[in-house]
Amino acid sequence: MNEKLSISLPSEMVAAIKARVDAGSYASTSEVLRAAVRVWLREEEEYKERISAIRQKVAASLDDPRPNLSGHDVKQRLDAFFDKRR
């Protein structure tokens, strides 16, 4: 079931929509807006998935049982790592 909406857009957006319809890329302004909303919804879902993945990585990092290293310890380990490869 479709519902009608009344929206206000900047003239630049209206011109871009009309240009796409006039060029034959879309059959109507409604089709342009439906396509735009589909993209927006897909981007929102992808954003949620990325945030969830980041939160999982942060949680895994916080739950890591290995001991914390100081900046000095990290530098020593990196120096030793690179010294072996020279």
N, C-alpha and C. Protein backbone atom coordinates (compact mmCIF):
# COMPACT_ATOMS: atom_id res chain seq x y z
N MET A 1 0.83 -1.17 0.00
CA MET A 1 0.00 0.00 0.00
C MET A 1 0.89 1.25 0.00
N ASN A 2 0.59 2.18 -0.85
CA ASN A 2 1.36 3.41 -0.95
C ASN A 2 0.66 4.53 -0.20
N GLU A 3 1.47 5.42 0.36
CA GLU A 3 0.96 6.61 1.02
C GLU A 3 1.55 7.83 0.35
N LYS A 4 0.78 8.89 0.31
CA LYS A 4 1.27 10.14 -0.25
C LYS A 4 1.93 10.95 0.84
N LEU A 5 3.04 11.59 0.48
CA LEU A 5 3.74 12.49 1.38
C LEU A 5 3.88 13.84 0.70
N SER A 6 3.91 14.85 1.48
CA SER A 6 4.19 16.18 0.96
C SER A 6 5.52 16.60 1.57
N ILE A 7 6.51 16.88 0.72
CA ILE A 7 7.84 17.24 1.22
C ILE A 7 8.30 18.53 0.56
N SER A 8 9.22 19.20 1.23
CA SER A 8 9.85 20.39 0.67
C SER A 8 11.31 20.08 0.45
N LEU A 9 11.80 20.41 -0.74
CA LEU A 9 13.20 20.17 -1.08
C LEU A 9 13.81 21.46 -1.62
N PRO A 10 15.11 21.61 -1.47
CA PRO A 10 15.78 22.76 -2.07
C PRO A 10 15.64 22.70 -3.60
N SER A 11 15.63 23.84 -4.23
CA SER A 11 15.42 23.89 -5.68
C SER A 11 16.48 23.09 -6.44
N GLU A 12 17.70 23.01 -5.92
CA GLU A 12 18.75 22.24 -6.59
C GLU A 12 18.39 20.75 -6.63
N MET A 13 17.83 20.25 -5.54
CA MET A 13 17.43 18.84 -5.50
C MET A 13 16.26 18.59 -6.44
N VAL A 14 15.31 19.51 -6.45
CA VAL A 14 14.15 19.36 -7.34
C VAL A 14 14.63 19.35 -8.79
N ALA A 15 15.55 20.24 -9.13
CA ALA A 15 16.07 20.30 -10.50
C ALA A 15 16.79 19.00 -10.86
N ALA A 16 17.55 18.45 -9.92
CA ALA A 16 18.26 17.19 -10.18
C ALA A 16 17.28 16.05 -10.40
N ILE A 17 16.22 16.00 -9.60
CA ILE A 17 15.21 14.96 -9.74
C ILE A 17 14.52 15.08 -11.10
N LYS A 18 14.11 16.29 -11.43
CA LYS A 18 13.43 16.50 -12.71
C LYS A 18 14.34 16.18 -13.89
N ALA A 19 15.62 16.50 -13.75
CA ALA A 19 16.57 16.19 -14.84
C ALA A 19 16.68 14.69 -15.07
N ARG A 20 16.67 13.91 -13.99
CA ARG A 20 16.75 12.44 -14.11
C ARG A 20 15.50 11.89 -14.78
N VAL A 21 14.36 12.45 -14.41
CA VAL A 21 13.09 12.00 -15.01
C VAL A 21 13.07 12.40 -16.49
N ASP A 22 13.43 13.65 -16.79
CA ASP A 22 13.43 14.13 -18.18
C ASP A 22 14.40 13.34 -19.06
N ALA A 23 15.50 12.88 -18.45
CA ALA A 23 16.50 12.11 -19.20
C ALA A 23 16.05 10.67 -19.43
N GLY A 24 14.98 10.28 -18.75
CA GLY A 24 14.48 8.91 -18.91
C GLY A 24 15.10 7.91 -17.96
N SER A 25 15.92 8.41 -17.04
CA SER A 25 16.53 7.50 -16.07
C SER A 25 15.50 6.93 -15.11
N TYR A 26 14.47 7.70 -14.86
CA TYR A 26 13.37 7.29 -13.98
C TYR A 26 12.06 7.66 -14.64
N ALA A 27 11.02 6.93 -14.30
CA ALA A 27 9.71 7.19 -14.89
C ALA A 27 8.98 8.35 -14.23
N SER A 28 9.31 8.61 -12.96
CA SER A 28 8.59 9.66 -12.24
C SER A 28 9.44 10.17 -11.08
N THR A 29 9.02 11.30 -10.53
CA THR A 29 9.72 11.81 -9.34
C THR A 29 9.57 10.84 -8.17
N SER A 30 8.43 10.19 -8.09
CA SER A 30 8.24 9.20 -7.02
C SER A 30 9.25 8.06 -7.13
N GLU A 31 9.52 7.63 -8.35
CA GLU A 31 10.49 6.56 -8.55
C GLU A 31 11.89 7.01 -8.11
N VAL A 32 12.25 8.25 -8.42
CA VAL A 32 13.54 8.78 -7.98
C VAL A 32 13.63 8.76 -6.46
N LEU A 33 12.60 9.23 -5.81
CA LEU A 33 12.61 9.30 -4.35
C LEU A 33 12.60 7.91 -3.72
N ARG A 34 11.87 6.97 -4.32
CA ARG A 34 11.90 5.59 -3.79
C ARG A 34 13.30 5.02 -3.90
N ALA A 35 13.97 5.26 -5.03
CA ALA A 35 15.35 4.77 -5.20
C ALA A 35 16.26 5.41 -4.16
N ALA A 36 16.09 6.71 -3.93
CA ALA A 36 16.92 7.41 -2.94
C ALA A 36 16.70 6.85 -1.54
N VAL A 37 15.45 6.58 -1.20
CA VAL A 37 15.15 6.03 0.13
C VAL A 37 15.72 4.62 0.27
N ARG A 38 15.66 3.83 -0.79
CA ARG A 38 16.26 2.48 -0.73
C ARG A 38 17.76 2.57 -0.45
N VAL A 39 18.45 3.49 -1.13
CA VAL A 39 19.89 3.68 -0.90
C VAL A 39 20.13 4.12 0.55
N TRP A 40 19.34 5.08 1.00
CA TRP A 40 19.48 5.58 2.36
C TRP A 40 19.29 4.45 3.38
N LEU A 41 18.26 3.63 3.20
CA LEU A 41 18.00 2.52 4.12
C LEU A 41 19.14 1.51 4.10
N ARG A 42 19.66 1.22 2.90
CA ARG A 42 20.79 0.29 2.79
C ARG A 42 22.02 0.86 3.50
N GLU A 43 22.30 2.15 3.32
CA GLU A 43 23.44 2.77 3.99
C GLU A 43 23.27 2.76 5.50
N GLU A 44 22.06 3.00 5.98
CA GLU A 44 21.79 2.95 7.42
C GLU A 44 22.07 1.55 7.97
N GLU A 45 21.64 0.52 7.24
CA GLU A 45 21.86 -0.86 7.69
C GLU A 45 23.35 -1.19 7.69
N GLU A 46 24.05 -0.78 6.63
CA GLU A 46 25.49 -1.02 6.57
C GLU A 46 26.21 -0.30 7.70
N TYR A 47 25.78 0.91 8.02
CA TYR A 47 26.37 1.67 9.13
C TYR A 47 26.17 0.92 10.45
N LYS A 48 24.96 0.43 10.68
CA LYS A 48 24.68 -0.33 11.90
C LYS A 48 25.57 -1.57 11.99
N GLU A 49 25.76 -2.24 10.85
CA GLU A 49 26.60 -3.44 10.83
C GLU A 49 28.06 -3.08 11.13
N ARG A 50 28.56 -1.97 10.56
CA ARG A 50 29.93 -1.55 10.83
C ARG A 50 30.12 -1.20 12.30
N ILE A 51 29.16 -0.46 12.87
CA ILE A 51 29.25 -0.10 14.28
C ILE A 51 29.23 -1.34 15.15
N SER A 52 28.39 -2.30 14.82
CA SER A 52 28.32 -3.54 15.58
C SER A 52 29.65 -4.29 15.52
N ALA A 53 30.25 -4.34 14.33
CA ALA A 53 31.55 -5.02 14.18
C ALA A 53 32.62 -4.31 14.99
N ILE A 54 32.61 -2.99 14.98
CA ILE A 54 33.59 -2.23 15.76
C ILE A 54 33.39 -2.49 17.25
N ARG A 55 32.14 -2.50 17.69
CA ARG A 55 31.86 -2.76 19.11
C ARG A 55 32.32 -4.15 19.52
N GLN A 56 32.14 -5.13 18.63
CA GLN A 56 32.59 -6.49 18.93
C GLN A 56 34.11 -6.53 19.05
N LYS A 57 34.81 -5.82 18.16
CA LYS A 57 36.28 -5.79 18.22
C LYS A 57 36.76 -5.10 19.49
N VAL A 58 36.11 -4.02 19.85
CA VAL A 58 36.49 -3.32 21.09
C VAL A 58 36.25 -4.23 22.29
N ALA A 59 35.11 -4.89 22.33
CA ALA A 59 34.81 -5.80 23.45
C ALA A 59 35.84 -6.92 23.50
N ALA A 60 36.19 -7.48 22.35
CA ALA A 60 37.19 -8.55 22.32
C ALA A 60 38.54 -8.03 22.82
N SER A 61 38.87 -6.82 22.45
CA SER A 61 40.12 -6.22 22.89
C SER A 61 40.12 -6.01 24.40
N LEU A 62 39.02 -5.51 24.92
CA LEU A 62 38.92 -5.28 26.36
C LEU A 62 38.94 -6.59 27.14
N ASP A 63 38.41 -7.64 26.54
CA ASP A 63 38.35 -8.94 27.20
C ASP A 63 39.63 -9.77 27.00
N ASP A 64 40.57 -9.24 26.23
CA ASP A 64 41.81 -9.96 25.92
C ASP A 64 42.57 -10.26 27.22
N PRO A 65 42.85 -11.54 27.48
CA PRO A 65 43.51 -11.90 28.74
C PRO A 65 45.01 -11.58 28.77
N ARG A 66 45.58 -11.25 27.63
CA ARG A 66 47.02 -10.95 27.63
C ARG A 66 47.28 -9.69 28.45
N PRO A 67 48.46 -9.61 29.05
CA PRO A 67 48.75 -8.45 29.89
C PRO A 67 48.90 -7.17 29.05
N ASN A 68 48.59 -6.06 29.67
CA ASN A 68 48.77 -4.77 29.02
C ASN A 68 50.26 -4.46 28.94
N LEU A 69 50.64 -3.77 27.90
CA LEU A 69 52.04 -3.37 27.74
C LEU A 69 52.15 -1.86 27.85
N SER A 70 53.22 -1.43 28.46
CA SER A 70 53.46 0.01 28.51
C SER A 70 54.03 0.46 27.17
N GLY A 71 54.07 1.75 26.95
CA GLY A 71 54.66 2.29 25.72
C GLY A 71 56.11 1.86 25.59
N HIS A 72 56.82 1.84 26.71
CA HIS A 72 58.23 1.41 26.72
C HIS A 72 58.35 -0.05 26.30
N ASP A 73 57.47 -0.91 26.82
CA ASP A 73 57.49 -2.33 26.45
C ASP A 73 57.23 -2.51 24.95
N VAL A 74 56.27 -1.77 24.44
CA VAL A 74 55.95 -1.88 23.02
C VAL A 74 57.15 -1.47 22.18
N LYS A 75 57.79 -0.36 22.55
CA LYS A 75 58.97 0.11 21.81
C LYS A 75 60.08 -0.93 21.83
N GLN A 76 60.32 -1.52 22.98
CA GLN A 76 61.35 -2.55 23.09
C GLN A 76 61.03 -3.74 22.18
N ARG A 77 59.79 -4.18 22.18
CA ARG A 77 59.40 -5.33 21.35
C ARG A 77 59.51 -5.00 19.87
N LEU A 78 59.09 -3.80 19.49
CA LEU A 78 59.21 -3.41 18.09
C LEU A 78 60.67 -3.28 17.67
N ASP A 79 61.49 -2.68 18.52
CA ASP A 79 62.91 -2.57 18.21
C ASP A 79 63.54 -3.95 18.03
N ALA A 80 63.21 -4.87 18.91
CA ALA A 80 63.75 -6.23 18.81
C ALA A 80 63.25 -6.91 17.55
N PHE A 81 61.99 -6.72 17.22
CA PHE A 81 61.42 -7.31 16.00
C PHE A 81 62.16 -6.82 14.77
N PHE A 82 62.37 -5.50 14.68
CA PHE A 82 63.03 -4.94 13.49
C PHE A 82 64.52 -5.24 13.47
N ASP A 83 65.14 -5.35 14.66
CA ASP A 83 66.57 -5.70 14.71
C ASP A 83 66.80 -7.10 14.12
N LYS A 84 65.88 -8.03 14.34
CA LYS A 84 66.01 -9.39 13.81
C LYS A 84 65.93 -9.41 12.30
N ARG A 85 65.27 -8.44 11.71
CA ARG A 85 65.05 -8.45 10.27
C ARG A 85 66.05 -7.58 9.49
N ARG A 86 67.00 -7.03 10.17
CA ARG A 86 68.00 -6.20 9.49
C ARG A 86 69.17 -7.01 9.07
